[in-house]
Amino acid sequence: MTELHRPILVFDSGIGGLTVLRELRVLMPERNFVYVADDAGFPYGGWGEPELKARLLDLFKGILKNTDRKYR
């Protein structure tokens, strides 16, 4: 698979991700994107570092597991 066929992951921790995704689509219309928003974890400021790391690792493990099968 070529790099152009692999999606670009856009991770939104709660503020501004859709705006960034919109601009990326304008700048790179030939690319595919996977948009992930962690609204349930927002805001991150109140999280302890170990808990936030664990949350993000679990979240990304699930994302990679699901997208890896599709884009091999």
C-alpha atoms as a PDB file:
ATOM      1  CA  MET A   1       0.000   0.000   0.000  1.00  0.00           C
ATOM      2  CA  THR A   2       1.336   3.434  -0.880  1.00  0.00           C
ATOM      3  CA  GLU A   3       1.557   6.231   1.634  1.00  0.00           C
ATOM      4  CA  LEU A   4      -1.245   8.106  -0.145  1.00  0.00           C
ATOM      5  CA  HIS A   5      -3.613   5.258   0.645  1.00  0.00           C
ATOM      6  CA  ARG A   6      -2.786   5.176   4.348  1.00  0.00           C
ATOM      7  CA  PRO A   7      -5.027   7.444   6.394  1.00  0.00           C
ATOM      8  CA  ILE A   8      -3.800  10.308   8.521  1.00  0.00           C
ATOM      9  CA  LEU A   9      -5.032  10.197  12.090  1.00  0.00           C
ATOM     10  CA  VAL A  10      -6.375  13.457  13.486  1.00  0.00           C
ATOM     11  CA  PHE A  11      -6.784  13.284  17.255  1.00  0.00           C
ATOM     12  CA  ASP A  12      -8.994  15.844  18.944  1.00  0.00           C
ATOM     13  CA  SER A  13      -8.615  16.149  22.694  1.00  0.00           C
ATOM     14  CA  GLY A  14     -11.593  18.442  22.866  1.00  0.00           C
ATOM     15  CA  ILE A  15     -10.866  21.808  21.271  1.00  0.00           C
ATOM     16  CA  GLY A  16     -10.298  22.690  17.623  1.00  0.00           C
ATOM     17  CA  GLY A  17      -9.898  19.316  15.990  1.00  0.00           C
ATOM     18  CA  LEU A  18     -12.708  19.708  13.473  1.00  0.00           C
ATOM     19  CA  THR A  19     -11.241  23.017  12.305  1.00  0.00           C
ATOM     20  CA  VAL A  20      -7.861  21.357  11.804  1.00  0.00           C
ATOM     21  CA  LEU A  21      -9.483  18.427   9.972  1.00  0.00           C
ATOM     22  CA  ARG A  22     -11.357  20.799   7.660  1.00  0.00           C
ATOM     23  CA  GLU A  23      -8.126  22.599   6.712  1.00  0.00           C
ATOM     24  CA  LEU A  24      -6.270  19.320   6.190  1.00  0.00           C
ATOM     25  CA  ARG A  25      -8.972  18.172   3.783  1.00  0.00           C
ATOM     26  CA  VAL A  26      -8.581  21.408   1.834  1.00  0.00           C
ATOM     27  CA  LEU A  27      -4.792  21.120   1.734  1.00  0.00           C
ATOM     28  CA  MET A  28      -4.686  17.367   1.037  1.00  0.00           C
ATOM     29  CA  PRO A  29      -7.899  16.379  -0.755  1.00  0.00           C
ATOM     30  CA  GLU A  30      -6.312  13.162  -2.067  1.00  0.00           C
ATOM     31  CA  ARG A  31      -5.682  11.840   1.454  1.00  0.00           C
ATOM     32  CA  ASN A  32      -7.989   9.893   3.746  1.00  0.00           C
ATOM     33  CA  PHE A  33      -8.373  10.842   7.392  1.00  0.00           C
ATOM     34  CA  VAL A  34      -9.406   9.055  10.540  1.00  0.00           C
ATOM     35  CA  TYR A  35     -10.858  11.565  12.998  1.00  0.00           C
ATOM     36  CA  VAL A  36     -10.908  10.628  16.673  1.00  0.00           C
ATOM     37  CA  ALA A  37     -12.406  12.875  19.333  1.00  0.00           C
ATOM     38  CA  ASP A  38     -12.009  12.123  23.008  1.00  0.00           C
ATOM     39  CA  ASP A  39     -14.959  14.163  24.215  1.00  0.00           C
ATOM     40  CA  ALA A  40     -15.485  11.788  27.147  1.00  0.00           C
ATOM     41  CA  GLY A  41     -12.007  12.570  28.507  1.00  0.00           C
ATOM     42  CA  PHE A  42     -12.200  16.336  28.022  1.00  0.00           C
ATOM     43  CA  PRO A  43     -10.798  18.400  29.680  1.00  0.00           C
ATOM     44  CA  TYR A  44      -7.406  16.783  30.161  1.00  0.00           C
ATOM     45  CA  GLY A  45      -6.224  19.372  32.704  1.00  0.00           C
ATOM     46  CA  GLY A  46      -7.805  17.539  35.619  1.00  0.00           C
ATOM     47  CA  TRP A  47      -6.263  14.166  34.783  1.00  0.00           C
ATOM     48  CA  GLY A  48      -3.173  12.860  36.526  1.00  0.00           C
ATOM     49  CA  GLU A  49      -0.356  12.003  34.148  1.00  0.00           C
ATOM     50  CA  PRO A  50      -0.428   8.212  34.756  1.00  0.00           C
ATOM     51  CA  GLU A  51      -4.220   8.059  34.283  1.00  0.00           C
ATOM     52  CA  LEU A  52      -4.126  10.165  31.130  1.00  0.00           C
ATOM     53  CA  LYS A  53      -1.299   8.092  29.636  1.00  0.00           C
ATOM     54  CA  ALA A  54      -3.245   4.896  30.361  1.00  0.00           C
ATOM     55  CA  ARG A  55      -6.413   6.353  28.814  1.00  0.00           C
ATOM     56  CA  LEU A  56      -4.654   7.480  25.640  1.00  0.00           C
ATOM     57  CA  LEU A  57      -2.739   4.220  25.240  1.00  0.00           C
ATOM     58  CA  ASP A  58      -5.964   2.223  25.543  1.00  0.00           C
ATOM     59  CA  LEU A  59      -7.729   4.548  23.116  1.00  0.00           C
ATOM     60  CA  PHE A  60      -4.975   4.348  20.515  1.00  0.00           C
ATOM     61  CA  LYS A  61      -4.582   0.584  20.873  1.00  0.00           C
ATOM     62  CA  GLY A  62      -8.246   0.238  19.930  1.00  0.00           C
ATOM     63  CA  ILE A  63      -7.899   2.659  17.038  1.00  0.00           C
ATOM     64  CA  LEU A  64      -4.817   0.900  15.672  1.00  0.00           C
ATOM     65  CA  LYS A  65      -6.417  -2.512  16.040  1.00  0.00           C
ATOM     66  CA  ASN A  66      -9.451  -1.423  14.024  1.00  0.00           C
ATOM     67  CA  THR A  67      -7.687   0.647  11.362  1.00  0.00           C
ATOM     68  CA  ASP A  68      -4.729  -1.682  10.853  1.00  0.00           C
ATOM     69  CA  ARG A  69      -6.956  -4.437   9.478  1.00  0.00           C
ATOM     70  CA  LYS A  70      -8.562  -2.065   7.015  1.00  0.00           C
ATOM     71  CA  TYR A  71      -5.398  -0.418   5.664  1.00  0.00           C
ATOM     72  CA  ARG A  72      -2.908  -3.280   5.342  1.00  0.00           C
END
